[in-house]
């Protein structure tokens, strides 16, 4: 399986996926820590992927999203953005709307 296919599987497996450096309990960079903090404030469950544990994923996610930095947030399969975008969307309320449970209808 290619790295791109692995990334697609990871993103498809959970509604909210954060590719980050480190883990939510022990972020390894300030930007990852800030993204974790926003998600913690929203109290939403998410899957965290430590890119430091897999160099193929670390480099592959940048190509997958065409976004040069980590962390990267995906919601329902769509790339949302990095730390600054996540913080801006949280401040405006847009992220809360995006992460609200979807109606089954």
PDB file of N, CA and C in Angstrom:
ATOM      1  N   UNK A   1       0.850  -1.185   0.000  1.00  0.00           N
ATOM      2  CA  UNK A   1       0.000   0.000   0.000  1.00  0.00           C
ATOM      3  C   UNK A   1       0.892   1.242   0.000  1.00  0.00           C
ATOM      4  N   UNK A   2       0.565   2.195  -0.839  1.00  0.00           N
ATOM      5  CA  UNK A   2       1.362   3.417  -0.918  1.00  0.00           C
ATOM      6  C   UNK A   2       1.099   4.314   0.292  1.00  0.00           C
ATOM      7  N   UNK A   3       1.998   5.234   0.522  1.00  0.00           N
ATOM      8  CA  UNK A   3       1.816   6.192   1.618  1.00  0.00           C
ATOM      9  C   UNK A   3       0.532   6.985   1.403  1.00  0.00           C
ATOM     10  N   UNK A   4       0.279   7.394   0.169  1.00  0.00           N
ATOM     11  CA  UNK A   4      -0.942   8.147  -0.134  1.00  0.00           C
ATOM     12  C   UNK A   4      -2.184   7.336   0.220  1.00  0.00           C
ATOM     13  N   UNK A   5      -2.174   6.046  -0.093  1.00  0.00           N
ATOM     14  CA  UNK A   5      -3.314   5.180   0.241  1.00  0.00           C
ATOM     15  C   UNK A   5      -3.452   5.022   1.755  1.00  0.00           C
ATOM     16  N   UNK A   6      -2.331   4.901   2.457  1.00  0.00           N
ATOM     17  CA  UNK A   6      -2.369   4.809   3.927  1.00  0.00           C
ATOM     18  C   UNK A   6      -2.981   6.070   4.524  1.00  0.00           C
ATOM     19  N   UNK A   7      -2.565   7.236   4.021  1.00  0.00           N
ATOM     20  CA  UNK A   7      -3.097   8.504   4.521  1.00  0.00           C
ATOM     21  C   UNK A   7      -4.604   8.587   4.251  1.00  0.00           C
ATOM     22  N   UNK A   8      -5.013   8.211   3.053  1.00  0.00           N
ATOM     23  CA  UNK A   8      -6.442   8.238   2.714  1.00  0.00           C
ATOM     24  C   UNK A   8      -7.243   7.334   3.650  1.00  0.00           C
ATOM     25  N   UNK A   9      -6.706   6.172   3.998  1.00  0.00           N
ATOM     26  CA  UNK A   9      -7.380   5.255   4.928  1.00  0.00           C
ATOM     27  C   UNK A   9      -7.498   5.866   6.314  1.00  0.00           C
ATOM     28  N   UNK A  10      -6.421   6.498   6.780  1.00  0.00           N
ATOM     29  CA  UNK A  10      -6.426   7.137   8.103  1.00  0.00           C
ATOM     30  C   UNK A  10      -7.505   8.220   8.143  1.00  0.00           C
ATOM     31  N   UNK A  11      -7.554   9.053   7.111  1.00  0.00           N
ATOM     32  CA  UNK A  11      -8.509  10.155   7.060  1.00  0.00           C
ATOM     33  C   UNK A  11      -9.943   9.640   6.970  1.00  0.00           C
ATOM     34  N   UNK A  12     -10.141   8.537   6.249  1.00  0.00           N
ATOM     35  CA  UNK A  12     -11.484   7.975   6.081  1.00  0.00           C
ATOM     36  C   UNK A  12     -11.983   7.256   7.335  1.00  0.00           C
ATOM     37  N   UNK A  13     -11.063   6.833   8.197  1.00  0.00           N
ATOM     38  CA  UNK A  13     -11.428   6.006   9.346  1.00  0.00           C
ATOM     39  C   UNK A  13     -12.102   6.774  10.478  1.00  0.00           C
ATOM     40  N   UNK A  14     -11.878   8.089  10.555  1.00  0.00           N
ATOM     41  CA  UNK A  14     -12.432   8.886  11.646  1.00  0.00           C
ATOM     42  C   UNK A  14     -12.959  10.213  11.105  1.00  0.00           C
ATOM     43  N   UNK A  15     -14.032  10.742  11.722  1.00  0.00           N
ATOM     44  CA  UNK A  15     -14.579  12.015  11.245  1.00  0.00           C
ATOM     45  C   UNK A  15     -13.608  13.197  11.409  1.00  0.00           C
ATOM     46  N   UNK A  16     -12.809  13.168  12.470  1.00  0.00           N
ATOM     47  CA  UNK A  16     -11.871  14.256  12.729  1.00  0.00           C
ATOM     48  C   UNK A  16     -10.484  13.650  12.937  1.00  0.00           C
ATOM     49  N   UNK A  17      -9.527  14.083  12.113  1.00  0.00           N
ATOM     50  CA  UNK A  17      -8.163  13.558  12.196  1.00  0.00           C
ATOM     51  C   UNK A  17      -7.197  14.740  12.248  1.00  0.00           C
ATOM     52  N   UNK A  18      -6.288  14.680  13.227  1.00  0.00           N
ATOM     53  CA  UNK A  18      -5.252  15.698  13.354  1.00  0.00           C
ATOM     54  C   UNK A  18      -3.891  15.044  13.156  1.00  0.00           C
ATOM     55  N   UNK A  19      -3.205  15.435  12.091  1.00  0.00           N
ATOM     56  CA  UNK A  19      -1.823  15.017  11.886  1.00  0.00           C
ATOM     57  C   UNK A  19      -0.973  16.031  12.629  1.00  0.00           C
ATOM     58  N   UNK A  20      -0.186  15.555  13.582  1.00  0.00           N
ATOM     59  CA  UNK A  20       0.546  16.462  14.464  1.00  0.00           C
ATOM     60  C   UNK A  20       1.908  15.897  14.821  1.00  0.00           C
ATOM     61  N   UNK A  21       2.722  16.750  15.414  1.00  0.00           N
ATOM     62  CA  UNK A  21       4.007  16.306  15.939  1.00  0.00           C
ATOM     63  C   UNK A  21       3.810  15.977  17.409  1.00  0.00           C
ATOM     64  N   UNK A  22       3.989  14.688  17.738  1.00  0.00           N
ATOM     65  CA  UNK A  22       3.762  14.221  19.098  1.00  0.00           C
ATOM     66  C   UNK A  22       2.356  13.677  19.259  1.00  0.00           C
ATOM     67  N   UNK A  23       1.899  13.677  20.498  1.00  0.00           N
ATOM     68  CA  UNK A  23       0.569  13.163  20.828  1.00  0.00           C
ATOM     69  C   UNK A  23      -0.212  14.259  21.551  1.00  0.00           C
ATOM     70  N   UNK A  24      -1.532  14.105  21.638  1.00  0.00           N
ATOM     71  CA  UNK A  24      -2.299  15.127  22.361  1.00  0.00           C
ATOM     72  C   UNK A  24      -1.800  15.326  23.800  1.00  0.00           C
ATOM     73  N   UNK A  25      -1.382  14.248  24.454  1.00  0.00           N
ATOM     74  CA  UNK A  25      -0.888  14.362  25.822  1.00  0.00           C
ATOM     75  C   UNK A  25       0.509  14.975  25.886  1.00  0.00           C
ATOM     76  N   UNK A  26       1.273  14.832  24.799  1.00  0.00           N
ATOM     77  CA  UNK A  26       2.647  15.326  24.786  1.00  0.00           C
ATOM     78  C   UNK A  26       3.003  15.867  23.400  1.00  0.00           C
ATOM     79  N   UNK A  27       2.446  17.023  23.050  1.00  0.00           N
ATOM     80  CA  UNK A  27       2.772  17.620  21.750  1.00  0.00           C
ATOM     81  C   UNK A  27       4.262  17.960  21.682  1.00  0.00           C
ATOM     82  N   UNK A  28       4.846  17.805  20.489  1.00  0.00           N
ATOM     83  CA  UNK A  28       6.277  18.047  20.316  1.00  0.00           C
ATOM     84  C   UNK A  28       6.578  19.376  19.641  1.00  0.00           C
ATOM     85  N   UNK A  29       5.546  20.195  19.409  1.00  0.00           N
ATOM     86  CA  UNK A  29       5.784  21.557  18.909  1.00  0.00           C
ATOM     87  C   UNK A  29       4.629  22.443  19.343  1.00  0.00           C
ATOM     88  N   UNK A  30       4.879  23.726  19.387  1.00  0.00           N
ATOM     89  CA  UNK A  30       3.876  24.673  19.846  1.00  0.00           C
ATOM     90  C   UNK A  30       2.648  24.737  18.960  1.00  0.00           C
ATOM     91  N   UNK A  31       2.846  24.572  17.653  1.00  0.00           N
ATOM     92  CA  UNK A  31       1.707  24.633  16.735  1.00  0.00           C
ATOM     93  C   UNK A  31       0.789  23.430  16.940  1.00  0.00           C
ATOM     94  N   UNK A  32       1.386  22.249  17.123  1.00  0.00           N
ATOM     95  CA  UNK A  32       0.574  21.060  17.403  1.00  0.00           C
ATOM     96  C   UNK A  32      -0.147  21.222  18.737  1.00  0.00           C
ATOM     97  N   UNK A  33       0.551  21.770  19.736  1.00  0.00           N
ATOM     98  CA  UNK A  33      -0.062  21.995  21.050  1.00  0.00           C
ATOM     99  C   UNK A  33      -1.255  22.940  20.936  1.00  0.00           C
ATOM    100  N   UNK A  34      -1.125  23.981  20.116  1.00  0.00           N
ATOM    101  CA  UNK A  34      -2.217  24.938  19.941  1.00  0.00           C
ATOM    102  C   UNK A  34      -3.427  24.289  19.281  1.00  0.00           C
ATOM    103  N   UNK A  35      -3.200  23.440  18.280  1.00  0.00           N
ATOM    104  CA  UNK A  35      -4.307  22.750  17.617  1.00  0.00           C
ATOM    105  C   UNK A  35      -5.009  21.801  18.582  1.00  0.00           C
ATOM    106  N   UNK A  36      -4.220  21.092  19.391  1.00  0.00           N
ATOM    107  CA  UNK A  36      -4.784  20.184  20.400  1.00  0.00           C
ATOM    108  C   UNK A  36      -5.622  20.984  21.404  1.00  0.00           C
ATOM    109  N   UNK A  37      -5.130  22.151  21.786  1.00  0.00           N
ATOM    110  CA  UNK A  37      -5.843  22.992  22.751  1.00  0.00           C
ATOM    111  C   UNK A  37      -7.209  23.424  22.205  1.00  0.00           C
ATOM    112  N   UNK A  38      -7.252  23.805  20.936  1.00  0.00           N
ATOM    113  CA  UNK A  38      -8.525  24.195  20.318  1.00  0.00           C
ATOM    114  C   UNK A  38      -9.493  23.020  20.340  1.00  0.00           C
ATOM    115  N   UNK A  39      -9.035  21.844  19.931  1.00  0.00           N
ATOM    116  CA  UNK A  39      -9.915  20.671  19.910  1.00  0.00           C
ATOM    117  C   UNK A  39     -10.357  20.289  21.321  1.00  0.00           C
ATOM    118  N   UNK A  40      -9.475  20.467  22.299  1.00  0.00           N
ATOM    119  CA  UNK A  40      -9.835  20.183  23.689  1.00  0.00           C
ATOM    120  C   UNK A  40     -10.930  21.146  24.165  1.00  0.00           C
ATOM    121  N   UNK A  41     -10.823  22.417  23.777  1.00  0.00           N
ATOM    122  CA  UNK A  41     -11.838  23.408  24.144  1.00  0.00           C
ATOM    123  C   UNK A  41     -13.202  23.010  23.586  1.00  0.00           C
ATOM    124  N   UNK A  42     -13.197  22.427  22.397  1.00  0.00           N
ATOM    125  CA  UNK A  42     -14.447  22.042  21.737  1.00  0.00           C
ATOM    126  C   UNK A  42     -14.965  20.687  22.217  1.00  0.00           C
ATOM    127  N   UNK A  43     -14.127  19.968  22.958  1.00  0.00           N
ATOM    128  CA  UNK A  43     -14.498  18.665  23.518  1.00  0.00           C
ATOM    129  C   UNK A  43     -15.050  17.715  22.455  1.00  0.00           C
ATOM    130  N   UNK A  44     -14.319  17.641  21.333  1.00  0.00           N
ATOM    131  CA  UNK A  44     -14.709  16.717  20.277  1.00  0.00           C
ATOM    132  C   UNK A  44     -13.714  15.559  20.229  1.00  0.00           C
ATOM    133  N   UNK A  45     -14.206  14.344  20.009  1.00  0.00           N
ATOM    134  CA  UNK A  45     -13.278  13.222  19.853  1.00  0.00           C
ATOM    135  C   UNK A  45     -12.586  13.311  18.496  1.00  0.00           C
ATOM    136  N   UNK A  46     -11.318  12.966  18.481  1.00  0.00           N
ATOM    137  CA  UNK A  46     -10.582  12.992  17.216  1.00  0.00           C
ATOM    138  C   UNK A  46      -9.459  11.973  17.268  1.00  0.00           C
ATOM    139  N   UNK A  47      -8.995  11.620  16.085  1.00  0.00           N
ATOM    140  CA  UNK A  47      -7.860  10.708  15.950  1.00  0.00           C
ATOM    141  C   UNK A  47      -6.613  11.556  15.720  1.00  0.00           C
ATOM    142  N   UNK A  48      -5.611  11.366  16.554  1.00  0.00           N
ATOM    143  CA  UNK A  48      -4.337  12.072  16.373  1.00  0.00           C
ATOM    144  C   UNK A  48      -3.331  11.114  15.749  1.00  0.00           C
ATOM    145  N   UNK A  49      -2.581  11.625  14.785  1.00  0.00           N
ATOM    146  CA  UNK A  49      -1.550  10.839  14.116  1.00  0.00           C
ATOM    147  C   UNK A  49      -0.221  11.545  14.342  1.00  0.00           C
ATOM    148  N   UNK A  50       0.694  10.857  15.040  1.00  0.00           N
ATOM    149  CA  UNK A  50       2.018  11.418  15.330  1.00  0.00           C
ATOM    150  C   UNK A  50       2.911  11.228  14.109  1.00  0.00           C
ATOM    151  N   UNK A  51       3.143  12.306  13.375  1.00  0.00           N
ATOM    152  CA  UNK A  51       3.953  12.208  12.161  1.00  0.00           C
ATOM    153  C   UNK A  51       5.422  11.949  12.462  1.00  0.00           C
ATOM    154  N   UNK A  52       5.843  12.208  13.694  1.00  0.00           N
ATOM    155  CA  UNK A  52       7.241  11.950  14.060  1.00  0.00           C
ATOM    156  C   UNK A  52       7.519  10.447  14.167  1.00  0.00           C
ATOM    157  N   UNK A  53       6.472   9.653  14.303  1.00  0.00           N
ATOM    158  CA  UNK A  53       6.622   8.203  14.422  1.00  0.00           C
ATOM    159  C   UNK A  53       6.752   7.523  13.057  1.00  0.00           C
ATOM    160  N   UNK A  54       6.489   8.249  11.969  1.00  0.00           N
ATOM    161  CA  UNK A  54       6.514   7.643  10.639  1.00  0.00           C
ATOM    162  C   UNK A  54       6.915   8.706   9.614  1.00  0.00           C
ATOM    163  N   UNK A  55       8.144   8.651   9.168  1.00  0.00           N
ATOM    164  CA  UNK A  55       8.653   9.673   8.245  1.00  0.00           C
ATOM    165  C   UNK A  55       7.898   9.678   6.909  1.00  0.00           C
ATOM    166  N   UNK A  56       7.437   8.509   6.478  1.00  0.00           N
ATOM    167  CA  UNK A  56       6.681   8.455   5.223  1.00  0.00           C
ATOM    168  C   UNK A  56       5.379   9.248   5.353  1.00  0.00           C
ATOM    169  N   UNK A  57       4.707   9.098   6.483  1.00  0.00           N
ATOM    170  CA  UNK A  57       3.475   9.864   6.728  1.00  0.00           C
ATOM    171  C   UNK A  57       3.822  11.340   6.894  1.00  0.00           C
ATOM    172  N   UNK A  58       4.903  11.639   7.597  1.00  0.00           N
ATOM    173  CA  UNK A  58       5.286  13.031   7.831  1.00  0.00           C
ATOM    174  C   UNK A  58       5.480  13.792   6.521  1.00  0.00           C
ATOM    175  N   UNK A  59       6.176  13.176   5.574  1.00  0.00           N
ATOM    176  CA  UNK A  59       6.399  13.825   4.285  1.00  0.00           C
ATOM    177  C   UNK A  59       5.184  13.657   3.368  1.00  0.00           C
ATOM    178  N   UNK A  60       4.542  12.502   3.453  1.00  0.00           N
ATOM    179  CA  UNK A  60       3.416  12.203   2.577  1.00  0.00           C
ATOM    180  C   UNK A  60       2.212  13.092   2.809  1.00  0.00           C
ATOM    181  N   UNK A  61       1.965  13.463   4.061  1.00  0.00           N
ATOM    182  CA  UNK A  61       0.781  14.283   4.349  1.00  0.00           C
ATOM    183  C   UNK A  61       0.932  15.669   3.731  1.00  0.00           C
ATOM    184  N   UNK A  62       2.158  16.155   3.632  1.00  0.00           N
ATOM    185  CA  UNK A  62       2.398  17.467   3.017  1.00  0.00           C
ATOM    186  C   UNK A  62       2.047  17.424   1.528  1.00  0.00           C
ATOM    187  N   UNK A  63       2.406  16.343   0.866  1.00  0.00           N
ATOM    188  CA  UNK A  63       2.077  16.180  -0.552  1.00  0.00           C
ATOM    189  C   UNK A  63       0.585  15.917  -0.729  1.00  0.00           C
ATOM    190  N   UNK A  64       0.014  15.134   0.171  1.00  0.00           N
ATOM    191  CA  UNK A  64      -1.402  14.765   0.089  1.00  0.00           C
ATOM    192  C   UNK A  64      -2.288  16.009   0.095  1.00  0.00           C
ATOM    193  N   UNK A  65      -1.977  16.932   1.005  1.00  0.00           N
ATOM    194  CA  UNK A  65      -2.797  18.138   1.170  1.00  0.00           C
ATOM    195  C   UNK A  65      -2.293  19.316   0.351  1.00  0.00           C
ATOM    196  N   UNK A  66      -1.078  19.188  -0.164  1.00  0.00           N
ATOM    197  CA  UNK A  66      -0.404  20.305  -0.816  1.00  0.00           C
ATOM    198  C   UNK A  66      -0.282  21.471   0.165  1.00  0.00           C
ATOM    199  N   UNK A  67       0.038  21.125   1.412  1.00  0.00           N
ATOM    200  CA  UNK A  67       0.191  22.095   2.498  1.00  0.00           C
ATOM    201  C   UNK A  67       1.530  21.791   3.163  1.00  0.00           C
ATOM    202  N   UNK A  68       2.417  22.773   3.291  1.00  0.00           N
ATOM    203  CA  UNK A  68       3.792  22.480   3.687  1.00  0.00           C
ATOM    204  C   UNK A  68       4.061  22.260   5.176  1.00  0.00           C
ATOM    205  N   UNK A  69       3.074  22.528   6.028  1.00  0.00           N
ATOM    206  CA  UNK A  69       3.360  22.462   7.463  1.00  0.00           C
ATOM    207  C   UNK A  69       2.460  21.481   8.194  1.00  0.00           C
ATOM    208  N   UNK A  70       2.882  21.156   9.402  1.00  0.00           N
ATOM    209  CA  UNK A  70       2.142  20.290  10.312  1.00  0.00           C
ATOM    210  C   UNK A  70       1.986  21.096  11.590  1.00  0.00           C
ATOM    211  N   UNK A  71       0.835  21.084  12.237  1.00  0.00           N
ATOM    212  CA  UNK A  71      -0.270  20.127  12.128  1.00  0.00           C
ATOM    213  C   UNK A  71      -1.191  20.403  10.937  1.00  0.00           C
ATOM    214  N   UNK A  72      -1.973  19.369  10.649  1.00  0.00           N
ATOM    215  CA  UNK A  72      -3.012  19.459   9.627  1.00  0.00           C
ATOM    216  C   UNK A  72      -4.278  18.807  10.167  1.00  0.00           C
ATOM    217  N   UNK A  73      -5.395  19.530  10.033  1.00  0.00           N
ATOM    218  CA  UNK A  73      -6.675  19.030  10.518  1.00  0.00           C
ATOM    219  C   UNK A  73      -7.567  18.642   9.340  1.00  0.00           C
ATOM    220  N   UNK A  74      -8.167  17.464   9.459  1.00  0.00           N
ATOM    221  CA  UNK A  74      -9.131  16.972   8.471  1.00  0.00           C
ATOM    222  C   UNK A  74     -10.464  16.735   9.179  1.00  0.00           C
ATOM    223  N   UNK A  75     -11.541  17.172   8.552  1.00  0.00           N
ATOM    224  CA  UNK A  75     -12.880  16.954   9.094  1.00  0.00           C
ATOM    225  C   UNK A  75     -13.726  16.308   8.006  1.00  0.00           C
ATOM    226  N   UNK A  76     -14.238  15.131   8.332  1.00  0.00           N
ATOM    227  CA  UNK A  76     -15.060  14.347   7.395  1.00  0.00           C
ATOM    228  C   UNK A  76     -14.388  14.207   6.034  1.00  0.00           C
ATOM    229  N   UNK A  77     -13.092  13.952   6.064  1.00  0.00           N
ATOM    230  CA  UNK A  77     -12.341  13.699   4.840  1.00  0.00           C
ATOM    231  C   UNK A  77     -11.804  14.930   4.152  1.00  0.00           C
ATOM    232  N   UNK A  78     -12.196  16.118   4.600  1.00  0.00           N
ATOM    233  CA  UNK A  78     -11.755  17.350   3.951  1.00  0.00           C
ATOM    234  C   UNK A  78     -10.644  18.026   4.748  1.00  0.00           C
ATOM    235  N   UNK A  79      -9.634  18.504   4.050  1.00  0.00           N
ATOM    236  CA  UNK A  79      -8.552  19.243   4.679  1.00  0.00           C
ATOM    237  C   UNK A  79      -9.074  20.602   5.128  1.00  0.00           C
ATOM    238  N   UNK A  80      -8.892  20.921   6.400  1.00  0.00           N
ATOM    239  CA  UNK A  80      -9.337  22.201   6.952  1.00  0.00           C
ATOM    240  C   UNK A  80      -8.198  23.211   6.912  1.00  0.00           C
ATOM    241  N   UNK A  81      -7.042  22.814   7.446  1.00  0.00           N
ATOM    242  CA  UNK A  81      -5.903  23.719   7.449  1.00  0.00           C
ATOM    243  C   UNK A  81      -4.934  23.395   8.563  1.00  0.00           C
ATOM    244  N   UNK A  82      -3.993  24.292   8.732  1.00  0.00           N
ATOM    245  CA  UNK A  82      -2.987  24.158   9.773  1.00  0.00           C
ATOM    246  C   UNK A  82      -3.374  24.933  11.014  1.00  0.00           C
ATOM    247  N   UNK A  83      -2.415  25.137  11.880  1.00  0.00           N
ATOM    248  CA  UNK A  83      -2.640  25.750  13.181  1.00  0.00           C
ATOM    249  C   UNK A  83      -3.305  27.122  13.086  1.00  0.00           C
ATOM    250  N   UNK A  84      -2.772  28.012  12.277  1.00  0.00           N
ATOM    251  CA  UNK A  84      -3.312  29.374  12.202  1.00  0.00           C
ATOM    252  C   UNK A  84      -4.756  29.373  11.707  1.00  0.00           C
ATOM    253  N   UNK A  85      -5.028  28.576  10.698  1.00  0.00           N
ATOM    254  CA  UNK A  85      -6.387  28.506  10.148  1.00  0.00           C
ATOM    255  C   UNK A  85      -7.342  27.929  11.183  1.00  0.00           C
ATOM    256  N   UNK A  86      -6.908  26.885  11.897  1.00  0.00           N
ATOM    257  CA  UNK A  86      -7.745  26.274  12.931  1.00  0.00           C
ATOM    258  C   UNK A  86      -8.055  27.302  14.021  1.00  0.00           C
ATOM    259  N   UNK A  87      -7.045  28.053  14.441  1.00  0.00           N
ATOM    260  CA  UNK A  87      -7.272  29.075  15.482  1.00  0.00           C
ATOM    261  C   UNK A  87      -8.209  30.177  14.989  1.00  0.00           C
ATOM    262  N   UNK A  88      -8.018  30.621  13.751  1.00  0.00           N
ATOM    263  CA  UNK A  88      -8.889  31.668  13.196  1.00  0.00           C
ATOM    264  C   UNK A  88     -10.329  31.177  13.089  1.00  0.00           C
ATOM    265  N   UNK A  89     -10.501  29.937  12.629  1.00  0.00           N
ATOM    266  CA  UNK A  89     -11.849  29.388  12.478  1.00  0.00           C
ATOM    267  C   UNK A  89     -12.506  29.205  13.846  1.00  0.00           C
ATOM    268  N   UNK A  90     -11.723  28.834  14.847  1.00  0.00           N
ATOM    269  CA  UNK A  90     -12.247  28.698  16.210  1.00  0.00           C
ATOM    270  C   UNK A  90     -12.688  30.065  16.729  1.00  0.00           C
ATOM    271  N   UNK A  91     -11.859  31.083  16.542  1.00  0.00           N
ATOM    272  CA  UNK A  91     -12.169  32.428  17.029  1.00  0.00           C
ATOM    273  C   UNK A  91     -13.433  32.983  16.381  1.00  0.00           C
ATOM    274  N   UNK A  92     -13.671  32.649  15.111  1.00  0.00           N
ATOM    275  CA  UNK A  92     -14.843  33.172  14.393  1.00  0.00           C
ATOM    276  C   UNK A  92     -16.100  32.330  14.633  1.00  0.00           C
ATOM    277  N   UNK A  93     -15.931  31.139  15.226  1.00  0.00           N
ATOM    278  CA  UNK A  93     -17.072  30.243  15.432  1.00  0.00           C
ATOM    279  C   UNK A  93     -17.298  29.281  14.276  1.00  0.00           C
ATOM    280  N   UNK A  94     -16.546  29.464  13.199  1.00  0.00           N
ATOM    281  CA  UNK A  94     -16.723  28.618  12.017  1.00  0.00           C
ATOM    282  C   UNK A  94     -16.353  27.158  12.298  1.00  0.00           C
ATOM    283  N   UNK A  95     -15.319  26.965  13.110  1.00  0.00           N
ATOM    284  CA  UNK A  95     -14.887  25.596  13.411  1.00  0.00           C
ATOM    285  C   UNK A  95     -15.944  24.865  14.240  1.00  0.00           C
ATOM    286  N   UNK A  96     -16.556  25.563  15.187  1.00  0.00           N
ATOM    287  CA  UNK A  96     -17.590  24.945  16.008  1.00  0.00           C
ATOM    288  C   UNK A  96     -18.743  24.471  15.126  1.00  0.00           C
ATOM    289  N   UNK A  97     -19.129  25.288  14.155  1.00  0.00           N
ATOM    290  CA  UNK A  97     -20.202  24.916  13.231  1.00  0.00           C
ATOM    291  C   UNK A  97     -19.798  23.700  12.409  1.00  0.00           C
ATOM    292  N   UNK A  98     -18.555  23.712  11.919  1.00  0.00           N
ATOM    293  CA  UNK A  98     -18.060  22.609  11.087  1.00  0.00           C
ATOM    294  C   UNK A  98     -18.024  21.290  11.869  1.00  0.00           C
ATOM    295  N   UNK A  99     -17.686  21.357  13.158  1.00  0.00           N
ATOM    296  CA  UNK A  99     -17.528  20.152  13.954  1.00  0.00           C
ATOM    297  C   UNK A  99     -18.818  19.698  14.630  1.00  0.00           C
ATOM    298  N   UNK A 100     -19.862  20.480  14.498  1.00  0.00           N
ATOM    299  CA  UNK A 100     -21.143  20.087  15.103  1.00  0.00           C
ATOM    300  C   UNK A 100     -21.608  18.781  14.474  1.00  0.00           C
ATOM    301  N   UNK A 101     -22.251  17.936  15.281  1.00  0.00           N
ATOM    302  CA  UNK A 101     -22.748  16.659  14.718  1.00  0.00           C
ATOM    303  C   UNK A 101     -23.639  16.923  13.502  1.00  0.00           C
ATOM    304  N   UNK A 102     -23.477  16.089  12.497  1.00  0.00           N
ATOM    305  CA  UNK A 102     -24.266  16.219  11.280  1.00  0.00           C
ATOM    306  C   UNK A 102     -25.597  15.498  11.473  1.00  0.00           C
ATOM    307  N   UNK A 103     -26.654  16.118  10.985  1.00  0.00           N
ATOM    308  CA  UNK A 103     -27.973  15.468  11.049  1.00  0.00           C
ATOM    309  C   UNK A 103     -27.981  14.238  10.145  1.00  0.00           C
ATOM    310  N   UNK A 104     -28.684  13.215  10.586  1.00  0.00           N
ATOM    311  CA  UNK A 104     -28.748  11.973   9.814  1.00  0.00           C
ATOM    312  C   UNK A 104     -29.598  12.132   8.556  1.00  0.00           C
ATOM    313  N   UNK A 105     -30.440  13.143   8.542  1.00  0.00           N
ATOM    314  CA  UNK A 105     -31.365  13.336   7.417  1.00  0.00           C
ATOM    315  C   UNK A 105     -30.653  13.735   6.142  1.00  0.00           C
TER     316      UNK A 105
END
